Amino acid sequence: MMGTDKSSRNSLDRLGTLATLLRDFAVWRVERGITAHQAEVLVHVLDAGAPSAADLSRRVGISTASMSRLLEQVEAAGWIVRVPDPRDARRVLVQPSKRLASETVALTIIGTDGAPSVVARSVG
């Protein structure tokens, strides 16, 4: 019985940490005028490293045209940069900008069933 209590407490602690991280991330994005959809794209860019627009489209579950518009918005705001893929001249890779990298203090990866999520915590 003791093991179950400890396991339950550990689960509650993790949920509390997750709630804090999600709240911090929501405050971070709202303070910077980032929409929920834009934030989702930024999270995937941070998680994947340098995905292509098509990769991001698949990850987020939207059309490539919608992804293109979102990327234009976050690029114009200075959150990402698009660079040519050195292995395939037809592709463009999406990378976090220096601005995004400088505001990201820590990335916490919370994995469940092989589906990780990335939550960025910002500079105070």
PDB file of N, CA and C in Angstrom:
ATOM      1  N   MET A   1       0.809  -1.193   0.000  1.00  0.00           N
ATOM      2  CA  MET A   1       0.000   0.000   0.000  1.00  0.00           C
ATOM      3  C   MET A   1       0.858   1.265   0.000  1.00  0.00           C
ATOM      4  N   MET A   2       1.986   1.218   0.711  1.00  0.00           N
ATOM      5  CA  MET A   2       2.869   2.374   0.782  1.00  0.00           C
ATOM      6  C   MET A   2       3.359   2.783  -0.598  1.00  0.00           C
ATOM      7  N   GLY A   3       3.707   1.792  -1.440  1.00  0.00           N
ATOM      8  CA  GLY A   3       4.198   2.086  -2.779  1.00  0.00           C
ATOM      9  C   GLY A   3       3.164   2.831  -3.610  1.00  0.00           C
ATOM     10  N   THR A   4       1.899   2.467  -3.435  1.00  0.00           N
ATOM     11  CA  THR A   4       0.831   3.126  -4.170  1.00  0.00           C
ATOM     12  C   THR A   4       0.702   4.586  -3.754  1.00  0.00           C
ATOM     13  N   ASP A   5       0.794   4.859  -2.455  1.00  0.00           N
ATOM     14  CA  ASP A   5       0.719   6.239  -1.973  1.00  0.00           C
ATOM     15  C   ASP A   5       1.865   7.071  -2.537  1.00  0.00           C
ATOM     16  N   LYS A   6       3.062   6.493  -2.548  1.00  0.00           N
ATOM     17  CA  LYS A   6       4.228   7.201  -3.072  1.00  0.00           C
ATOM     18  C   LYS A   6       4.064   7.441  -4.571  1.00  0.00           C
ATOM     19  N   SER A   7       3.561   6.443  -5.271  1.00  0.00           N
ATOM     20  CA  SER A   7       3.339   6.565  -6.711  1.00  0.00           C
ATOM     21  C   SER A   7       2.287   7.636  -7.004  1.00  0.00           C
ATOM     22  N   SER A   8       1.223   7.649  -6.219  1.00  0.00           N
ATOM     23  CA  SER A   8       0.177   8.660  -6.397  1.00  0.00           C
ATOM     24  C   SER A   8       0.723  10.057  -6.136  1.00  0.00           C
ATOM     25  N   ARG A   9       1.537  10.193  -5.097  1.00  0.00           N
ATOM     26  CA  ARG A   9       2.130  11.495  -4.762  1.00  0.00           C
ATOM     27  C   ARG A   9       3.062  11.959  -5.886  1.00  0.00           C
ATOM     28  N   ASN A  10       3.844  11.017  -6.425  1.00  0.00           N
ATOM     29  CA  ASN A  10       4.747  11.334  -7.530  1.00  0.00           C
ATOM     30  C   ASN A  10       3.955  11.812  -8.750  1.00  0.00           C
ATOM     31  N   SER A  11       2.850  11.145  -9.034  1.00  0.00           N
ATOM     32  CA  SER A  11       2.001  11.546 -10.163  1.00  0.00           C
ATOM     33  C   SER A  11       1.410  12.931  -9.941  1.00  0.00           C
ATOM     34  N   LEU A  12       0.970  13.205  -8.720  1.00  0.00           N
ATOM     35  CA  LEU A  12       0.426  14.527  -8.404  1.00  0.00           C
ATOM     36  C   LEU A  12       1.495  15.605  -8.519  1.00  0.00           C
ATOM     37  N   ASP A  13       2.710  15.295  -8.080  1.00  0.00           N
ATOM     38  CA  ASP A  13       3.819  16.248  -8.210  1.00  0.00           C
ATOM     39  C   ASP A  13       4.087  16.559  -9.682  1.00  0.00           C
ATOM     40  N   ARG A  14       4.079  15.528 -10.512  1.00  0.00           N
ATOM     41  CA  ARG A  14       4.314  15.727 -11.948  1.00  0.00           C
ATOM     42  C   ARG A  14       3.213  16.564 -12.582  1.00  0.00           C
ATOM     43  N   LEU A  15       1.969  16.306 -12.178  1.00  0.00           N
ATOM     44  CA  LEU A  15       0.855  17.100 -12.703  1.00  0.00           C
ATOM     45  C   LEU A  15       0.976  18.564 -12.276  1.00  0.00           C
ATOM     46  N   GLY A  16       1.399  18.788 -11.043  1.00  0.00           N
ATOM     47  CA  GLY A  16       1.608  20.157 -10.568  1.00  0.00           C
ATOM     48  C   GLY A  16       2.692  20.860 -11.357  1.00  0.00           C
ATOM     49  N   THR A  17       3.780  20.151 -11.627  1.00  0.00           N
ATOM     50  CA  THR A  17       4.871  20.717 -12.423  1.00  0.00           C
ATOM     51  C   THR A  17       4.392  21.032 -13.832  1.00  0.00           C
ATOM     52  N   LEU A  18       3.649  20.116 -14.419  1.00  0.00           N
ATOM     53  CA  LEU A  18       3.113  20.336 -15.760  1.00  0.00           C
ATOM     54  C   LEU A  18       2.190  21.550 -15.787  1.00  0.00           C
ATOM     55  N   ALA A  19       1.317  21.671 -14.795  1.00  0.00           N
ATOM     56  CA  ALA A  19       0.402  22.817 -14.738  1.00  0.00           C
ATOM     57  C   ALA A  19       1.179  24.125 -14.653  1.00  0.00           C
ATOM     58  N   THR A  20       2.233  24.142 -13.856  1.00  0.00           N
ATOM     59  CA  THR A  20       3.063  25.347 -13.730  1.00  0.00           C
ATOM     60  C   THR A  20       3.737  25.683 -15.050  1.00  0.00           C
ATOM     61  N   LEU A  21       4.305  24.680 -15.711  1.00  0.00           N
ATOM     62  CA  LEU A  21       4.967  24.906 -16.997  1.00  0.00           C
ATOM     63  C   LEU A  21       3.995  25.415 -18.053  1.00  0.00           C
ATOM     64  N   LEU A  22       2.824  24.824 -18.106  1.00  0.00           N
ATOM     65  CA  LEU A  22       1.829  25.254 -19.091  1.00  0.00           C
ATOM     66  C   LEU A  22       1.359  26.680 -18.812  1.00  0.00           C
ATOM     67  N   ARG A  23       1.166  27.008 -17.539  1.00  0.00           N
ATOM     68  CA  ARG A  23       0.774  28.374 -17.180  1.00  0.00           C
ATOM     69  C   ARG A  23       1.876  29.362 -17.565  1.00  0.00           C
ATOM     70  N   ASP A  24       3.125  29.022 -17.236  1.00  0.00           N
ATOM     71  CA  ASP A  24       4.259  29.881 -17.594  1.00  0.00           C
ATOM     72  C   ASP A  24       4.341  30.080 -19.106  1.00  0.00           C
ATOM     73  N   PHE A  25       4.149  29.013 -19.860  1.00  0.00           N
ATOM     74  CA  PHE A  25       4.211  29.102 -21.316  1.00  0.00           C
ATOM     75  C   PHE A  25       3.079  29.976 -21.853  1.00  0.00           C
ATOM     76  N   ALA A  26       1.875  29.817 -21.293  1.00  0.00           N
ATOM     77  CA  ALA A  26       0.739  30.632 -21.732  1.00  0.00           C
ATOM     78  C   ALA A  26       1.003  32.116 -21.471  1.00  0.00           C
ATOM     79  N   VAL A  27       1.538  32.434 -20.313  1.00  0.00           N
ATOM     80  CA  VAL A  27       1.868  33.826 -19.992  1.00  0.00           C
ATOM     81  C   VAL A  27       2.928  34.337 -20.958  1.00  0.00           C
ATOM     82  N   TRP A  28       3.955  33.530 -21.192  1.00  0.00           N
ATOM     83  CA  TRP A  28       5.045  33.900 -22.100  1.00  0.00           C
ATOM     84  C   TRP A  28       4.503  34.256 -23.479  1.00  0.00           C
ATOM     85  N   ARG A  29       3.643  33.395 -24.029  1.00  0.00           N
ATOM     86  CA  ARG A  29       3.157  33.629 -25.394  1.00  0.00           C
ATOM     87  C   ARG A  29       2.204  34.810 -25.461  1.00  0.00           C
ATOM     88  N   VAL A  30       1.327  34.972 -24.471  1.00  0.00           N
ATOM     89  CA  VAL A  30       0.375  36.082 -24.473  1.00  0.00           C
ATOM     90  C   VAL A  30       1.110  37.416 -24.350  1.00  0.00           C
ATOM     91  N   GLU A  31       2.123  37.471 -23.492  1.00  0.00           N
ATOM     92  CA  GLU A  31       2.900  38.705 -23.329  1.00  0.00           C
ATOM     93  C   GLU A  31       3.578  39.126 -24.630  1.00  0.00           C
ATOM     94  N   ARG A  32       3.833  38.175 -25.503  1.00  0.00           N
ATOM     95  CA  ARG A  32       4.530  38.461 -26.754  1.00  0.00           C
ATOM     96  C   ARG A  32       3.601  38.504 -27.967  1.00  0.00           C
ATOM     97  N   GLY A  33       2.300  38.385 -27.738  1.00  0.00           N
ATOM     98  CA  GLY A  33       1.338  38.453 -28.832  1.00  0.00           C
ATOM     99  C   GLY A  33       1.344  37.235 -29.735  1.00  0.00           C
ATOM    100  N   ILE A  34       1.734  36.098 -29.205  1.00  0.00           N
ATOM    101  CA  ILE A  34       1.796  34.856 -29.982  1.00  0.00           C
ATOM    102  C   ILE A  34       0.475  34.112 -29.813  1.00  0.00           C
ATOM    103  N   THR A  35      -0.160  33.766 -30.928  1.00  0.00           N
ATOM    104  CA  THR A  35      -1.416  33.017 -30.868  1.00  0.00           C
ATOM    105  C   THR A  35      -1.140  31.565 -30.481  1.00  0.00           C
ATOM    106  N   ALA A  36      -2.207  30.863 -30.131  1.00  0.00           N
ATOM    107  CA  ALA A  36      -2.067  29.448 -29.766  1.00  0.00           C
ATOM    108  C   ALA A  36      -1.509  28.635 -30.934  1.00  0.00           C
ATOM    109  N   HIS A  37      -1.987  28.900 -32.157  1.00  0.00           N
ATOM    110  CA  HIS A  37      -1.483  28.167 -33.326  1.00  0.00           C
ATOM    111  C   HIS A  37      -0.009  28.478 -33.579  1.00  0.00           C
ATOM    112  N   GLN A  38       0.358  29.738 -33.456  1.00  0.00           N
ATOM    113  CA  GLN A  38       1.757  30.111 -33.635  1.00  0.00           C
ATOM    114  C   GLN A  38       2.624  29.443 -32.566  1.00  0.00           C
ATOM    115  N   ALA A  39       2.129  29.416 -31.339  1.00  0.00           N
ATOM    116  CA  ALA A  39       2.876  28.782 -30.248  1.00  0.00           C
ATOM    117  C   ALA A  39       3.076  27.301 -30.522  1.00  0.00           C
ATOM    118  N   GLU A  40       2.051  26.652 -31.051  1.00  0.00           N
ATOM    119  CA  GLU A  40       2.173  25.230 -31.375  1.00  0.00           C
ATOM    120  C   GLU A  40       3.281  25.002 -32.400  1.00  0.00           C
ATOM    121  N   VAL A  41       3.339  25.867 -33.398  1.00  0.00           N
ATOM    122  CA  VAL A  41       4.397  25.759 -34.408  1.00  0.00           C
ATOM    123  C   VAL A  41       5.765  25.959 -33.761  1.00  0.00           C
ATOM    124  N   LEU A  42       5.899  26.971 -32.913  1.00  0.00           N
ATOM    125  CA  LEU A  42       7.181  27.232 -32.250  1.00  0.00           C
ATOM    126  C   LEU A  42       7.610  26.049 -31.392  1.00  0.00           C
ATOM    127  N   VAL A  43       6.657  25.452 -30.694  1.00  0.00           N
ATOM    128  CA  VAL A  43       6.970  24.281 -29.869  1.00  0.00           C
ATOM    129  C   VAL A  43       7.501  23.151 -30.738  1.00  0.00           C
ATOM    130  N   HIS A  44       6.869  22.923 -31.880  1.00  0.00           N
ATOM    131  CA  HIS A  44       7.334  21.856 -32.774  1.00  0.00           C
ATOM    132  C   HIS A  44       8.700  22.183 -33.379  1.00  0.00           C
ATOM    133  N   VAL A  45       8.940  23.440 -33.693  1.00  0.00           N
ATOM    134  CA  VAL A  45      10.260  23.831 -34.209  1.00  0.00           C
ATOM    135  C   VAL A  45      11.321  23.567 -33.143  1.00  0.00           C
ATOM    136  N   LEU A  46      11.035  23.940 -31.906  1.00  0.00           N
ATOM    137  CA  LEU A  46      11.985  23.703 -30.815  1.00  0.00           C
ATOM    138  C   LEU A  46      12.196  22.210 -30.584  1.00  0.00           C
ATOM    139  N   ASP A  47      11.134  21.444 -30.693  1.00  0.00           N
ATOM    140  CA  ASP A  47      11.205  20.002 -30.450  1.00  0.00           C
ATOM    141  C   ASP A  47      11.951  19.277 -31.562  1.00  0.00           C
ATOM    142  N   ALA A  48      11.721  19.681 -32.805  1.00  0.00           N
ATOM    143  CA  ALA A  48      12.266  18.947 -33.950  1.00  0.00           C
ATOM    144  C   ALA A  48      13.636  19.438 -34.395  1.00  0.00           C
ATOM    145  N   GLY A  49      14.057  20.593 -33.943  1.00  0.00           N
ATOM    146  CA  GLY A  49      15.358  21.108 -34.368  1.00  0.00           C
ATOM    147  C   GLY A  49      15.247  21.984 -35.588  1.00  0.00           C
ATOM    148  N   ALA A  50      15.244  21.393 -36.754  1.00  0.00           N
ATOM    149  CA  ALA A  50      15.131  22.151 -38.010  1.00  0.00           C
ATOM    150  C   ALA A  50      14.250  21.373 -38.986  1.00  0.00           C
ATOM    151  N   PRO A  51      12.944  21.315 -38.704  1.00  0.00           N
ATOM    152  CA  PRO A  51      12.054  20.579 -39.599  1.00  0.00           C
ATOM    153  C   PRO A  51      11.767  21.368 -40.875  1.00  0.00           C
ATOM    154  N   SER A  52      11.278  20.677 -41.876  1.00  0.00           N
ATOM    155  CA  SER A  52      10.806  21.365 -43.082  1.00  0.00           C
ATOM    156  C   SER A  52       9.379  21.845 -42.816  1.00  0.00           C
ATOM    157  N   ALA A  53       8.897  22.725 -43.674  1.00  0.00           N
ATOM    158  CA  ALA A  53       7.519  23.198 -43.552  1.00  0.00           C
ATOM    159  C   ALA A  53       6.547  22.026 -43.689  1.00  0.00           C
ATOM    160  N   ALA A  54       6.852  21.100 -44.585  1.00  0.00           N
ATOM    161  CA  ALA A  54       5.991  19.924 -44.767  1.00  0.00           C
ATOM    162  C   ALA A  54       5.980  19.061 -43.506  1.00  0.00           C
ATOM    163  N   ASP A  55       7.145  18.889 -42.878  1.00  0.00           N
ATOM    164  CA  ASP A  55       7.212  18.134 -41.621  1.00  0.00           C
ATOM    165  C   ASP A  55       6.343  18.801 -40.556  1.00  0.00           C
ATOM    166  N   LEU A  56       6.458  20.113 -40.454  1.00  0.00           N
ATOM    167  CA  LEU A  56       5.655  20.851 -39.474  1.00  0.00           C
ATOM    168  C   LEU A  56       4.168  20.716 -39.774  1.00  0.00           C
ATOM    169  N   SER A  57       3.816  20.784 -41.043  1.00  0.00           N
ATOM    170  CA  SER A  57       2.425  20.646 -41.449  1.00  0.00           C
ATOM    171  C   SER A  57       1.860  19.305 -40.979  1.00  0.00           C
ATOM    172  N   ARG A  58       2.630  18.238 -41.165  1.00  0.00           N
ATOM    173  CA  ARG A  58       2.202  16.908 -40.721  1.00  0.00           C
ATOM    174  C   ARG A  58       2.114  16.843 -39.197  1.00  0.00           C
ATOM    175  N   ARG A  59       3.106  17.379 -38.503  1.00  0.00           N
ATOM    176  CA  ARG A  59       3.123  17.339 -37.035  1.00  0.00           C
ATOM    177  C   ARG A  59       1.926  18.075 -36.433  1.00  0.00           C
ATOM    178  N   VAL A  60       1.608  19.230 -37.008  1.00  0.00           N
ATOM    179  CA  VAL A  60       0.535  20.064 -36.465  1.00  0.00           C
ATOM    180  C   VAL A  60      -0.832  19.613 -36.980  1.00  0.00           C
ATOM    181  N   GLY A  61      -0.842  18.975 -38.144  1.00  0.00           N
ATOM    182  CA  GLY A  61      -2.094  18.472 -38.704  1.00  0.00           C
ATOM    183  C   GLY A  61      -2.883  19.520 -39.472  1.00  0.00           C
ATOM    184  N   ILE A  62      -2.158  20.401 -40.178  1.00  0.00           N
ATOM    185  CA  ILE A  62      -2.819  21.413 -41.003  1.00  0.00           C
ATOM    186  C   ILE A  62      -2.248  21.345 -42.418  1.00  0.00           C
ATOM    187  N   SER A  63      -2.925  22.008 -43.339  1.00  0.00           N
ATOM    188  CA  SER A  63      -2.470  21.994 -44.731  1.00  0.00           C
ATOM    189  C   SER A  63      -1.148  22.740 -44.872  1.00  0.00           C
ATOM    190  N   THR A  64      -0.437  22.442 -45.946  1.00  0.00           N
ATOM    191  CA  THR A  64       0.830  23.136 -46.185  1.00  0.00           C
ATOM    192  C   THR A  64       0.592  24.624 -46.439  1.00  0.00           C
ATOM    193  N   ALA A  65      -0.545  24.970 -47.043  1.00  0.00           N
ATOM    194  CA  ALA A  65      -0.859  26.387 -47.274  1.00  0.00           C
ATOM    195  C   ALA A  65      -1.065  27.120 -45.948  1.00  0.00           C
ATOM    196  N   SER A  66      -1.795  26.495 -45.025  1.00  0.00           N
ATOM    197  CA  SER A  66      -2.000  27.101 -43.702  1.00  0.00           C
ATOM    198  C   SER A  66      -0.686  27.211 -42.946  1.00  0.00           C
ATOM    199  N   MET A  67       0.145  26.184 -43.071  1.00  0.00           N
ATOM    200  CA  MET A  67       1.448  26.220 -42.402  1.00  0.00           C
ATOM    201  C   MET A  67       2.306  27.341 -42.976  1.00  0.00           C
ATOM    202  N   SER A  68       2.257  27.517 -44.270  1.00  0.00           N
ATOM    203  CA  SER A  68       3.034  28.576 -44.907  1.00  0.00           C
ATOM    204  C   SER A  68       2.651  29.945 -44.342  1.00  0.00           C
ATOM    205  N   ARG A  69       1.344  30.172 -44.165  1.00  0.00           N
ATOM    206  CA  ARG A  69       0.880  31.448 -43.592  1.00  0.00           C
ATOM    207  C   ARG A  69       1.362  31.606 -42.149  1.00  0.00           C
ATOM    208  N   LEU A  70       1.271  30.547 -41.365  1.00  0.00           N
ATOM    209  CA  LEU A  70       1.745  30.608 -39.977  1.00  0.00           C
ATOM    210  C   LEU A  70       3.239  30.893 -39.919  1.00  0.00           C
ATOM    211  N   LEU A  71       3.998  30.248 -40.790  1.00  0.00           N
ATOM    212  CA  LEU A  71       5.445  30.471 -40.808  1.00  0.00           C
ATOM    213  C   LEU A  71       5.779  31.904 -41.204  1.00  0.00           C
ATOM    214  N   GLU A  72       5.017  32.458 -42.138  1.00  0.00           N
ATOM    215  CA  GLU A  72       5.231  33.863 -42.513  1.00  0.00           C
ATOM    216  C   GLU A  72       5.022  34.774 -41.309  1.00  0.00           C
ATOM    217  N   GLN A  73       3.979  34.486 -40.521  1.00  0.00           N
ATOM    218  CA  GLN A  73       3.675  35.308 -39.345  1.00  0.00           C
ATOM    219  C   GLN A  73       4.779  35.226 -38.288  1.00  0.00           C
ATOM    220  N   VAL A  74       5.202  34.009 -37.958  1.00  0.00           N
ATOM    221  CA  VAL A  74       6.208  33.882 -36.892  1.00  0.00           C
ATOM    222  C   VAL A  74       7.591  34.313 -37.373  1.00  0.00           C
ATOM    223  N   GLU A  75       7.839  34.198 -38.670  1.00  0.00           N
ATOM    224  CA  GLU A  75       9.104  34.698 -39.204  1.00  0.00           C
ATOM    225  C   GLU A  75       9.120  36.229 -39.180  1.00  0.00           C
ATOM    226  N   ALA A  76       8.012  36.853 -39.570  1.00  0.00           N
ATOM    227  CA  ALA A  76       7.923  38.321 -39.558  1.00  0.00           C
ATOM    228  C   ALA A  76       8.079  38.874 -38.140  1.00  0.00           C
ATOM    229  N   ALA A  77       7.630  38.104 -37.151  1.00  0.00           N
ATOM    230  CA  ALA A  77       7.752  38.521 -35.750  1.00  0.00           C
ATOM    231  C   ALA A  77       9.143  38.225 -35.181  1.00  0.00           C
ATOM    232  N   GLY A  78       9.963  37.540 -35.965  1.00  0.00           N
ATOM    233  CA  GLY A  78      11.335  37.270 -35.532  1.00  0.00           C
ATOM    234  C   GLY A  78      11.536  36.025 -34.698  1.00  0.00           C
ATOM    235  N   TRP A  79      10.572  35.093 -34.719  1.00  0.00           N
ATOM    236  CA  TRP A  79      10.676  33.891 -33.888  1.00  0.00           C
ATOM    237  C   TRP A  79      11.372  32.727 -34.587  1.00  0.00           C
ATOM    238  N   ILE A  80      11.357  32.703 -35.907  1.00  0.00           N
ATOM    239  CA  ILE A  80      11.999  31.620 -36.660  1.00  0.00           C
ATOM    240  C   ILE A  80      12.793  32.204 -37.817  1.00  0.00           C
ATOM    241  N   VAL A  81      13.650  31.380 -38.387  1.00  0.00           N
ATOM    242  CA  VAL A  81      14.316  31.703 -39.647  1.00  0.00           C
ATOM    243  C   VAL A  81      14.160  30.495 -40.559  1.00  0.00           C
ATOM    244  N   ARG A  82      14.023  30.769 -41.836  1.00  0.00           N
ATOM    245  CA  ARG A  82      13.948  29.687 -42.823  1.00  0.00           C
ATOM    246  C   ARG A  82      15.256  29.683 -43.593  1.00  0.00           C
ATOM    247  N   VAL A  83      15.836  28.494 -43.704  1.00  0.00           N
ATOM    248  CA  VAL A  83      17.132  28.345 -44.373  1.00  0.00           C
ATOM    249  C   VAL A  83      17.045  27.219 -45.395  1.00  0.00           C
ATOM    250  N   PRO A  84      17.821  27.307 -46.476  1.00  0.00           N
ATOM    251  CA  PRO A  84      17.829  26.226 -47.468  1.00  0.00           C
ATOM    252  C   PRO A  84      18.354  24.927 -46.844  1.00  0.00           C
ATOM    253  N   ASP A  85      17.765  23.821 -47.242  1.00  0.00           N
ATOM    254  CA  ASP A  85      18.235  22.507 -46.798  1.00  0.00           C
ATOM    255  C   ASP A  85      19.518  22.192 -47.566  1.00  0.00           C
ATOM    256  N   PRO A  86      20.636  21.997 -46.878  1.00  0.00           N
ATOM    257  CA  PRO A  86      21.894  21.744 -47.582  1.00  0.00           C
ATOM    258  C   PRO A  86      21.901  20.427 -48.360  1.00  0.00           C
ATOM    259  N   ARG A  87      20.981  19.512 -48.024  1.00  0.00           N
ATOM    260  CA  ARG A  87      20.927  18.220 -48.707  1.00  0.00           C
ATOM    261  C   ARG A  87      19.920  18.168 -49.840  1.00  0.00           C
ATOM    262  N   ASP A  88      19.010  19.153 -49.887  1.00  0.00           N
ATOM    263  CA  ASP A  88      17.963  19.148 -50.911  1.00  0.00           C
ATOM    264  C   ASP A  88      17.577  20.596 -51.204  1.00  0.00           C
ATOM    265  N   ALA A  89      18.021  21.112 -52.328  1.00  0.00           N
ATOM    266  CA  ALA A  89      17.819  22.523 -52.676  1.00  0.00           C
ATOM    267  C   ALA A  89      16.344  22.899 -52.810  1.00  0.00           C
ATOM    268  N   ARG A  90      15.472  21.904 -52.961  1.00  0.00           N
ATOM    269  CA  ARG A  90      14.041  22.193 -53.101  1.00  0.00           C
ATOM    270  C   ARG A  90      13.357  22.454 -51.764  1.00  0.00           C
ATOM    271  N   ARG A  91      14.015  22.062 -50.694  1.00  0.00           N
ATOM    272  CA  ARG A  91      13.402  22.171 -49.360  1.00  0.00           C
ATOM    273  C   ARG A  91      13.959  23.350 -48.571  1.00  0.00           C
ATOM    274  N   VAL A  92      13.116  23.840 -47.681  1.00  0.00           N
ATOM    275  CA  VAL A  92      13.516  24.896 -46.756  1.00  0.00           C
ATOM    276  C   VAL A  92      13.312  24.357 -45.348  1.00  0.00           C
ATOM    277  N   LEU A  93      14.285  24.589 -44.489  1.00  0.00           N
ATOM    278  CA  LEU A  93      14.201  24.152 -43.099  1.00  0.00           C
ATOM    279  C   LEU A  93      13.826  25.330 -42.207  1.00  0.00           C
ATOM    280  N   VAL A  94      13.114  25.035 -41.150  1.00  0.00           N
ATOM    281  CA  VAL A  94      12.668  26.060 -40.207  1.00  0.00           C
ATOM    282  C   VAL A  94      13.463  25.894 -38.920  1.00  0.00           C
ATOM    283  N   GLN A  95      14.114  26.972 -38.499  1.00  0.00           N
ATOM    284  CA  GLN A  95      14.943  26.930 -37.292  1.00  0.00           C
ATOM    285  C   GLN A  95      14.490  27.999 -36.307  1.00  0.00           C
ATOM    286  N   PRO A  96      14.711  27.756 -35.008  1.00  0.00           N
ATOM    287  CA  PRO A  96      14.434  28.814 -34.035  1.00  0.00           C
ATOM    288  C   PRO A  96      15.368  29.993 -34.302  1.00  0.00           C
ATOM    289  N   SER A  97      14.856  31.191 -34.188  1.00  0.00           N
ATOM    290  CA  SER A  97      15.690  32.382 -34.365  1.00  0.00           C
ATOM    291  C   SER A  97      16.522  32.618 -33.104  1.00  0.00           C
ATOM    292  N   LYS A  98      17.469  33.522 -33.208  1.00  0.00           N
ATOM    293  CA  LYS A  98      18.251  33.894 -32.026  1.00  0.00           C
ATOM    294  C   LYS A  98      17.335  34.473 -30.956  1.00  0.00           C
ATOM    295  N   ARG A  99      16.312  35.197 -31.388  1.00  0.00           N
ATOM    296  CA  ARG A  99      15.358  35.770 -30.432  1.00  0.00           C
ATOM    297  C   ARG A  99      14.665  34.675 -29.636  1.00  0.00           C
ATOM    298  N   LEU A 100      14.156  33.660 -30.331  1.00  0.00           N
ATOM    299  CA  LEU A 100      13.475  32.565 -29.640  1.00  0.00           C
ATOM    300  C   LEU A 100      14.452  31.817 -28.745  1.00  0.00           C
ATOM    301  N   ALA A 101      15.633  31.537 -29.262  1.00  0.00           N
ATOM    302  CA  ALA A 101      16.633  30.816 -28.473  1.00  0.00           C
ATOM    303  C   ALA A 101      17.040  31.611 -27.239  1.00  0.00           C
ATOM    304  N   SER A 102      17.163  32.921 -27.369  1.00  0.00           N
ATOM    305  CA  SER A 102      17.608  33.730 -26.231  1.00  0.00           C
ATOM    306  C   SER A 102      16.542  33.840 -25.151  1.00  0.00           C
ATOM    307  N   GLU A 103      15.283  33.701 -25.525  1.00  0.00           N
ATOM    308  CA  GLU A 103      14.213  33.785 -24.534  1.00  0.00           C
ATOM    309  C   GLU A 103      13.860  32.435 -23.926  1.00  0.00           C
ATOM    310  N   THR A 104      14.439  31.407 -24.436  1.00  0.00           N
ATOM    311  CA  THR A 104      14.144  30.075 -23.932  1.00  0.00           C
ATOM    312  C   THR A 104      15.196  29.680 -22.910  1.00  0.00           C
ATOM    313  N   VAL A 105      14.793  29.656 -21.665  1.00  0.00           N
ATOM    314  CA  VAL A 105      15.707  29.306 -20.591  1.00  0.00           C
ATOM    315  C   VAL A 105      15.836  27.796 -20.490  1.00  0.00           C
ATOM    316  N   ALA A 106      14.712  27.102 -20.562  1.00  0.00           N
ATOM    317  CA  ALA A 106      14.740  25.651 -20.417  1.00  0.00           C
ATOM    318  C   ALA A 106      13.642  25.033 -21.262  1.00  0.00           C
ATOM    319  N   LEU A 107      13.924  23.860 -21.764  1.00  0.00           N
ATOM    320  CA  LEU A 107      12.916  23.081 -22.464  1.00  0.00           C
ATOM    321  C   LEU A 107      12.643  21.848 -21.628  1.00  0.00           C
ATOM    322  N   THR A 108      11.394  21.628 -21.338  1.00  0.00           N
ATOM    323  CA  THR A 108      11.019  20.462 -20.570  1.00  0.00           C
ATOM    324  C   THR A 108      10.245  19.535 -21.487  1.00  0.00           C
ATOM    325  N   ILE A 109      10.740  18.343 -21.632  1.00  0.00           N
ATOM    326  CA  ILE A 109      10.066  17.378 -22.495  1.00  0.00           C
ATOM    327  C   ILE A 109       9.272  16.431 -21.607  1.00  0.00           C
ATOM    328  N   ILE A 110       7.972  16.388 -21.835  1.00  0.00           N
ATOM    329  CA  ILE A 110       7.078  15.551 -21.060  1.00  0.00           C
ATOM    330  C   ILE A 110       6.550  14.483 -21.996  1.00  0.00           C
ATOM    331  N   GLY A 111       7.047  13.277 -21.878  1.00  0.00           N
ATOM    332  CA  GLY A 111       6.675  12.236 -22.818  1.00  0.00           C
ATOM    333  C   GLY A 111       5.621  11.302 -22.258  1.00  0.00           C
ATOM    334  N   THR A 112       4.630  10.980 -23.087  1.00  0.00           N
ATOM    335  CA  THR A 112       3.644   9.970 -22.740  1.00  0.00           C
ATOM    336  C   THR A 112       3.401   9.145 -23.986  1.00  0.00           C
ATOM    337  N   ASP A 113       3.603   7.868 -23.875  1.00  0.00           N
ATOM    338  CA  ASP A 113       3.381   6.964 -25.001  1.00  0.00           C
ATOM    339  C   ASP A 113       4.131   7.399 -26.252  1.00  0.00           C
ATOM    340  N   GLY A 114       5.362   7.856 -26.079  1.00  0.00           N
ATOM    341  CA  GLY A 114       6.184   8.218 -27.222  1.00  0.00           C
ATOM    342  C   GLY A 114       5.783   9.510 -27.904  1.00  0.00           C
ATOM    343  N   ALA A 115       4.900  10.285 -27.294  1.00  0.00           N
ATOM    344  CA  ALA A 115       4.468  11.552 -27.890  1.00  0.00           C
ATOM    345  C   ALA A 115       4.953  12.708 -27.014  1.00  0.00           C
ATOM    346  N   PRO A 116       6.196  13.155 -27.244  1.00  0.00           N
ATOM    347  CA  PRO A 116       6.730  14.211 -26.379  1.00  0.00           C
ATOM    348  C   PRO A 116       6.117  15.567 -26.677  1.00  0.00           C
ATOM    349  N   SER A 117       6.063  16.372 -25.644  1.00  0.00           N
ATOM    350  CA  SER A 117       5.637  17.760 -25.773  1.00  0.00           C
ATOM    351  C   SER A 117       6.765  18.623 -25.253  1.00  0.00           C
ATOM    352  N   VAL A 118       6.930  19.772 -25.816  1.00  0.00           N
ATOM    353  CA  VAL A 118       7.977  20.676 -25.369  1.00  0.00           C
ATOM    354  C   VAL A 118       7.314  21.924 -24.818  1.00  0.00           C
ATOM    355  N   VAL A 119       7.718  22.305 -23.634  1.00  0.00           N
ATOM    356  CA  VAL A 119       7.208  23.521 -23.028  1.00  0.00           C
ATOM    357  C   VAL A 119       8.388  24.435 -22.786  1.00  0.00           C
ATOM    358  N   ALA A 120       8.338  25.632 -23.332  1.00  0.00           N
ATOM    359  CA  ALA A 120       9.440  26.587 -23.164  1.00  0.00           C
ATOM    360  C   ALA A 120       9.175  27.461 -21.953  1.00  0.00           C
ATOM    361  N   ARG A 121      10.192  27.651 -21.147  1.00  0.00           N
ATOM    362  CA  ARG A 121      10.106  28.594 -20.032  1.00  0.00           C
ATOM    363  C   ARG A 121      10.957  29.786 -20.408  1.00  0.00           C
ATOM    364  N   SER A 122      10.418  30.950 -20.204  1.00  0.00           N
ATOM    365  CA  SER A 122      11.089  32.151 -20.692  1.00  0.00           C
ATOM    366  C   SER A 122      11.877  32.866 -19.610  1.00  0.00           C
ATOM    367  N   VAL A 123      12.709  33.776 -20.080  1.00  0.00           N
ATOM    368  CA  VAL A 123      13.476  34.624 -19.183  1.00  0.00           C
ATOM    369  C   VAL A 123      12.496  35.522 -18.453  1.00  0.00           C
ATOM    370  N   GLY A 124      12.646  35.593 -17.131  1.00  0.00           N
ATOM    371  CA  GLY A 124      11.793  36.353 -16.240  1.00  0.00           C
ATOM    372  C   GLY A 124      11.427  37.663 -16.732  1.00  0.00           C
TER     373      GLY A 124
END
